[in-house]
Amino acid sequence: MVITHLGRQAAVLRGARAAQFLRDAEDDPQRAMARWTGNYKHGNEREARQHPRNR
């Protein structure tokens, strides 16, 4: 499985890791992609989730 961002390769997952990613992505795909590609926990995730636009 290849995860891309803006047409560029962000991560490649194979086998058991790809299966785990698919299970994680069922709940919140955007958050799962951020965690798996390393672009995660910059401090604003909790605040953004509570924003009226994202409810």
PDB file of N, CA and C in Angstrom:
ATOM      1  N   MET A   1       0.856  -1.157   0.000  1.00  0.00           N
ATOM      2  CA  MET A   1       0.000   0.000   0.000  1.00  0.00           C
ATOM      3  C   MET A   1       0.905   1.222   0.000  1.00  0.00           C
ATOM      4  N   VAL A   2       0.633   2.155  -0.886  1.00  0.00           N
ATOM      5  CA  VAL A   2       1.387   3.399  -0.974  1.00  0.00           C
ATOM      6  C   VAL A   2       0.482   4.540  -0.538  1.00  0.00           C
ATOM      7  N   ILE A   3       0.949   5.327   0.407  1.00  0.00           N
ATOM      8  CA  ILE A   3       0.221   6.508   0.865  1.00  0.00           C
ATOM      9  C   ILE A   3       0.902   7.708   0.243  1.00  0.00           C
ATOM     10  N   THR A   4       0.108   8.525  -0.460  1.00  0.00           N
ATOM     11  CA  THR A   4       0.666   9.702  -1.114  1.00  0.00           C
ATOM     12  C   THR A   4       0.048  10.965  -0.546  1.00  0.00           C
ATOM     13  N   HIS A   5       0.772  12.051  -0.693  1.00  0.00           N
ATOM     14  CA  HIS A   5       0.294  13.365  -0.288  1.00  0.00           C
ATOM     15  C   HIS A   5       0.686  14.347  -1.376  1.00  0.00           C
ATOM     16  N   LEU A   6      -0.314  14.983  -1.988  1.00  0.00           N
ATOM     17  CA  LEU A   6      -0.093  15.930  -3.075  1.00  0.00           C
ATOM     18  C   LEU A   6       0.736  15.311  -4.196  1.00  0.00           C
ATOM     19  N   GLY A   7       0.462  14.053  -4.486  1.00  0.00           N
ATOM     20  CA  GLY A   7       1.132  13.371  -5.583  1.00  0.00           C
ATOM     21  C   GLY A   7       2.503  12.818  -5.263  1.00  0.00           C
ATOM     22  N   ARG A   8       2.976  13.006  -4.050  1.00  0.00           N
ATOM     23  CA  ARG A   8       4.283  12.489  -3.657  1.00  0.00           C
ATOM     24  C   ARG A   8       4.117  11.360  -2.657  1.00  0.00           C
ATOM     25  N   GLN A   9       4.984  10.390  -2.721  1.00  0.00           N
ATOM     26  CA  GLN A   9       4.925   9.233  -1.839  1.00  0.00           C
ATOM     27  C   GLN A   9       5.273   9.639  -0.411  1.00  0.00           C
ATOM     28  N   ALA A  10       4.380   9.331   0.530  1.00  0.00           N
ATOM     29  CA  ALA A  10       4.603   9.657   1.936  1.00  0.00           C
ATOM     30  C   ALA A  10       5.018   8.424   2.724  1.00  0.00           C
ATOM     31  N   ALA A  11       4.475   7.251   2.364  1.00  0.00           N
ATOM     32  CA  ALA A  11       4.806   6.018   3.078  1.00  0.00           C
ATOM     33  C   ALA A  11       4.440   4.817   2.220  1.00  0.00           C
ATOM     34  N   VAL A  12       5.134   3.705   2.472  1.00  0.00           N
ATOM     35  CA  VAL A  12       4.823   2.437   1.816  1.00  0.00           C
ATOM     36  C   VAL A  12       4.619   1.409   2.922  1.00  0.00           C
ATOM     37  N   LEU A  13       3.465   0.753   2.911  1.00  0.00           N
ATOM     38  CA  LEU A  13       3.143  -0.251   3.919  1.00  0.00           C
ATOM     39  C   LEU A  13       2.901  -1.584   3.231  1.00  0.00           C
ATOM     40  N   ARG A  14       3.431  -2.648   3.817  1.00  0.00           N
ATOM     41  CA  ARG A  14       3.269  -3.986   3.248  1.00  0.00           C
ATOM     42  C   ARG A  14       2.825  -4.960   4.331  1.00  0.00           C
ATOM     43  N   GLY A  15       2.154  -6.004   3.916  1.00  0.00           N
ATOM     44  CA  GLY A  15       1.812  -7.120   4.799  1.00  0.00           C
ATOM     45  C   GLY A  15       0.997  -6.735   6.009  1.00  0.00           C
ATOM     46  N   ALA A  16       1.486  -7.151   7.176  1.00  0.00           N
ATOM     47  CA  ALA A  16       0.766  -6.946   8.434  1.00  0.00           C
ATOM     48  C   ALA A  16       0.609  -5.460   8.762  1.00  0.00           C
ATOM     49  N   ARG A  17       1.597  -4.653   8.410  1.00  0.00           N
ATOM     50  CA  ARG A  17       1.494  -3.209   8.687  1.00  0.00           C
ATOM     51  C   ARG A  17       0.393  -2.569   7.860  1.00  0.00           C
ATOM     52  N   ALA A  18       0.229  -3.020   6.624  1.00  0.00           N
ATOM     53  CA  ALA A  18      -0.844  -2.482   5.779  1.00  0.00           C
ATOM     54  C   ALA A  18      -2.204  -2.876   6.351  1.00  0.00           C
ATOM     55  N   ALA A  19      -2.321  -4.107   6.825  1.00  0.00           N
ATOM     56  CA  ALA A  19      -3.576  -4.566   7.422  1.00  0.00           C
ATOM     57  C   ALA A  19      -3.895  -3.768   8.687  1.00  0.00           C
ATOM     58  N   GLN A  20      -2.869  -3.494   9.500  1.00  0.00           N
ATOM     59  CA  GLN A  20      -3.077  -2.714  10.720  1.00  0.00           C
ATOM     60  C   GLN A  20      -3.501  -1.288  10.380  1.00  0.00           C
ATOM     61  N   PHE A  21      -2.888  -0.716   9.346  1.00  0.00           N
ATOM     62  CA  PHE A  21      -3.275   0.628   8.926  1.00  0.00           C
ATOM     63  C   PHE A  21      -4.741   0.674   8.521  1.00  0.00           C
ATOM     64  N   LEU A  22      -5.193  -0.314   7.767  1.00  0.00           N
ATOM     65  CA  LEU A  22      -6.591  -0.349   7.336  1.00  0.00           C
ATOM     66  C   LEU A  22      -7.542  -0.428   8.526  1.00  0.00           C
ATOM     67  N   ARG A  23      -7.157  -1.208   9.549  1.00  0.00           N
ATOM     68  CA  ARG A  23      -7.994  -1.280  10.761  1.00  0.00           C
ATOM     69  C   ARG A  23      -8.020   0.069  11.476  1.00  0.00           C
ATOM     70  N   ASP A  24      -6.869   0.731  11.564  1.00  0.00           N
ATOM     71  CA  ASP A  24      -6.801   2.045  12.225  1.00  0.00           C
ATOM     72  C   ASP A  24      -7.591   3.100  11.454  1.00  0.00           C
ATOM     73  N   ALA A  25      -7.570   3.009  10.134  1.00  0.00           N
ATOM     74  CA  ALA A  25      -8.204   4.028   9.289  1.00  0.00           C
ATOM     75  C   ALA A  25      -9.727   3.924   9.286  1.00  0.00           C
ATOM     76  N   GLU A  26     -10.277   2.840   9.785  1.00  0.00           N
ATOM     77  CA  GLU A  26     -11.739   2.708   9.821  1.00  0.00           C
ATOM     78  C   GLU A  26     -12.367   3.777  10.705  1.00  0.00           C
ATOM     79  N   ASP A  27     -11.742   4.095  11.829  1.00  0.00           N
ATOM     80  CA  ASP A  27     -12.303   5.064  12.776  1.00  0.00           C
ATOM     81  C   ASP A  27     -12.109   6.498  12.298  1.00  0.00           C
ATOM     82  N   ASP A  28     -10.888   6.872  12.023  1.00  0.00           N
ATOM     83  CA  ASP A  28     -10.570   8.249  11.627  1.00  0.00           C
ATOM     84  C   ASP A  28      -9.434   8.204  10.608  1.00  0.00           C
ATOM     85  N   PRO A  29      -9.754   8.142   9.317  1.00  0.00           N
ATOM     86  CA  PRO A  29      -8.718   7.983   8.287  1.00  0.00           C
ATOM     87  C   PRO A  29      -7.665   9.089   8.284  1.00  0.00           C
ATOM     88  N   GLN A  30      -8.066  10.320   8.502  1.00  0.00           N
ATOM     89  CA  GLN A  30      -7.109  11.423   8.466  1.00  0.00           C
ATOM     90  C   GLN A  30      -6.089  11.298   9.593  1.00  0.00           C
ATOM     91  N   ARG A  31      -6.565  10.985  10.777  1.00  0.00           N
ATOM     92  CA  ARG A  31      -5.673  10.833  11.927  1.00  0.00           C
ATOM     93  C   ARG A  31      -4.753   9.629  11.745  1.00  0.00           C
ATOM     94  N   ALA A  32      -5.286   8.535  11.194  1.00  0.00           N
ATOM     95  CA  ALA A  32      -4.466   7.343  10.960  1.00  0.00           C
ATOM     96  C   ALA A  32      -3.342   7.653   9.973  1.00  0.00           C
ATOM     97  N   MET A  33      -3.657   8.357   8.891  1.00  0.00           N
ATOM     98  CA  MET A  33      -2.612   8.701   7.917  1.00  0.00           C
ATOM     99  C   MET A  33      -1.557   9.605   8.548  1.00  0.00           C
ATOM    100  N   ALA A  34      -1.966  10.535   9.378  1.00  0.00           N
ATOM    101  CA  ALA A  34      -0.999  11.412  10.043  1.00  0.00           C
ATOM    102  C   ALA A  34      -0.077  10.608  10.950  1.00  0.00           C
ATOM    103  N   ARG A  35      -0.635   9.692  11.721  1.00  0.00           N
ATOM    104  CA  ARG A  35       0.190   8.870  12.615  1.00  0.00           C
ATOM    105  C   ARG A  35       1.158   7.996  11.830  1.00  0.00           C
ATOM    106  N   TRP A  36       0.668   7.354  10.803  1.00  0.00           N
ATOM    107  CA  TRP A  36       1.493   6.390  10.067  1.00  0.00           C
ATOM    108  C   TRP A  36       2.549   7.049   9.203  1.00  0.00           C
ATOM    109  N   THR A  37       2.364   8.289   8.808  1.00  0.00           N
ATOM    110  CA  THR A  37       3.360   8.968   7.986  1.00  0.00           C
ATOM    111  C   THR A  37       4.298   9.834   8.817  1.00  0.00           C
ATOM    112  N   GLY A  38       4.057   9.927  10.128  1.00  0.00           N
ATOM    113  CA  GLY A  38       4.947  10.668  11.006  1.00  0.00           C
ATOM    114  C   GLY A  38       4.599  12.134  11.155  1.00  0.00           C
ATOM    115  N   ASN A  39       3.553  12.600  10.515  1.00  0.00           N
ATOM    116  CA  ASN A  39       3.153  13.997  10.621  1.00  0.00           C
ATOM    117  C   ASN A  39       2.021  14.095  11.647  1.00  0.00           C
ATOM    118  N   TYR A  40       2.366  13.939  12.927  1.00  0.00           N
ATOM    119  CA  TYR A  40       1.370  13.803  13.976  1.00  0.00           C
ATOM    120  C   TYR A  40       1.853  14.457  15.261  1.00  0.00           C
ATOM    121  N   LYS A  41       0.912  14.884  16.046  1.00  0.00           N
ATOM    122  CA  LYS A  41       1.156  15.456  17.373  1.00  0.00           C
ATOM    123  C   LYS A  41       1.974  16.733  17.317  1.00  0.00           C
ATOM    124  N   HIS A  42       1.403  17.732  16.676  1.00  0.00           N
ATOM    125  CA  HIS A  42       2.016  19.052  16.668  1.00  0.00           C
ATOM    126  C   HIS A  42       1.349  19.962  17.689  1.00  0.00           C
ATOM    127  N   GLY A  43       0.403  19.429  18.445  1.00  0.00           N
ATOM    128  CA  GLY A  43      -0.221  20.188  19.514  1.00  0.00           C
ATOM    129  C   GLY A  43      -1.602  20.724  19.201  1.00  0.00           C
ATOM    130  N   ASN A  44      -2.004  20.726  17.941  1.00  0.00           N
ATOM    131  CA  ASN A  44      -3.290  21.326  17.622  1.00  0.00           C
ATOM    132  C   ASN A  44      -4.370  20.301  17.285  1.00  0.00           C
ATOM    133  N   GLU A  45      -4.081  19.012  17.373  1.00  0.00           N
ATOM    134  CA  GLU A  45      -5.064  18.005  16.996  1.00  0.00           C
ATOM    135  C   GLU A  45      -6.300  18.036  17.896  1.00  0.00           C
ATOM    136  N   ARG A  46      -6.109  18.136  19.187  1.00  0.00           N
ATOM    137  CA  ARG A  46      -7.244  18.130  20.102  1.00  0.00           C
ATOM    138  C   ARG A  46      -8.089  19.386  19.913  1.00  0.00           C
ATOM    139  N   GLU A  47      -7.435  20.527  19.757  1.00  0.00           N
ATOM    140  CA  GLU A  47      -8.155  21.783  19.574  1.00  0.00           C
ATOM    141  C   GLU A  47      -8.929  21.781  18.264  1.00  0.00           C
ATOM    142  N   ALA A  48      -8.340  21.258  17.214  1.00  0.00           N
ATOM    143  CA  ALA A  48      -9.001  21.231  15.908  1.00  0.00           C
ATOM    144  C   ALA A  48     -10.218  20.320  15.940  1.00  0.00           C
ATOM    145  N   ARG A  49     -10.153  19.235  16.673  1.00  0.00           N
ATOM    146  CA  ARG A  49     -11.288  18.318  16.758  1.00  0.00           C
ATOM    147  C   ARG A  49     -12.486  18.990  17.416  1.00  0.00           C
ATOM    148  N   GLN A  50     -12.249  19.922  18.339  1.00  0.00           N
ATOM    149  CA  GLN A  50     -13.327  20.604  19.061  1.00  0.00           C
ATOM    150  C   GLN A  50     -13.869  21.817  18.306  1.00  0.00           C
ATOM    151  N   HIS A  51     -13.224  22.213  17.237  1.00  0.00           N
ATOM    152  CA  HIS A  51     -13.665  23.391  16.479  1.00  0.00           C
ATOM    153  C   HIS A  51     -15.060  23.153  15.884  1.00  0.00           C
ATOM    154  N   PRO A  52     -15.954  24.135  15.913  1.00  0.00           N
ATOM    155  CA  PRO A  52     -17.326  23.956  15.404  1.00  0.00           C
ATOM    156  C   PRO A  52     -17.365  23.470  13.950  1.00  0.00           C
ATOM    157  N   ARG A  53     -16.395  23.855  13.136  1.00  0.00           N
ATOM    158  CA  ARG A  53     -16.356  23.434  11.747  1.00  0.00           C
ATOM    159  C   ARG A  53     -16.157  21.919  11.618  1.00  0.00           C
ATOM    160  N   ASN A  54     -15.502  21.297  12.595  1.00  0.00           N
ATOM    161  CA  ASN A  54     -15.178  19.875  12.521  1.00  0.00           C
ATOM    162  C   ASN A  54     -16.138  18.988  13.290  1.00  0.00           C
ATOM    163  N   ARG A  55     -17.192  19.546  13.820  1.00  0.00           N
ATOM    164  CA  ARG A  55     -18.149  18.725  14.588  1.00  0.00           C
ATOM    165  C   ARG A  55     -19.127  18.068  13.694  1.00  0.00           C
TER     166      ARG A  55
END
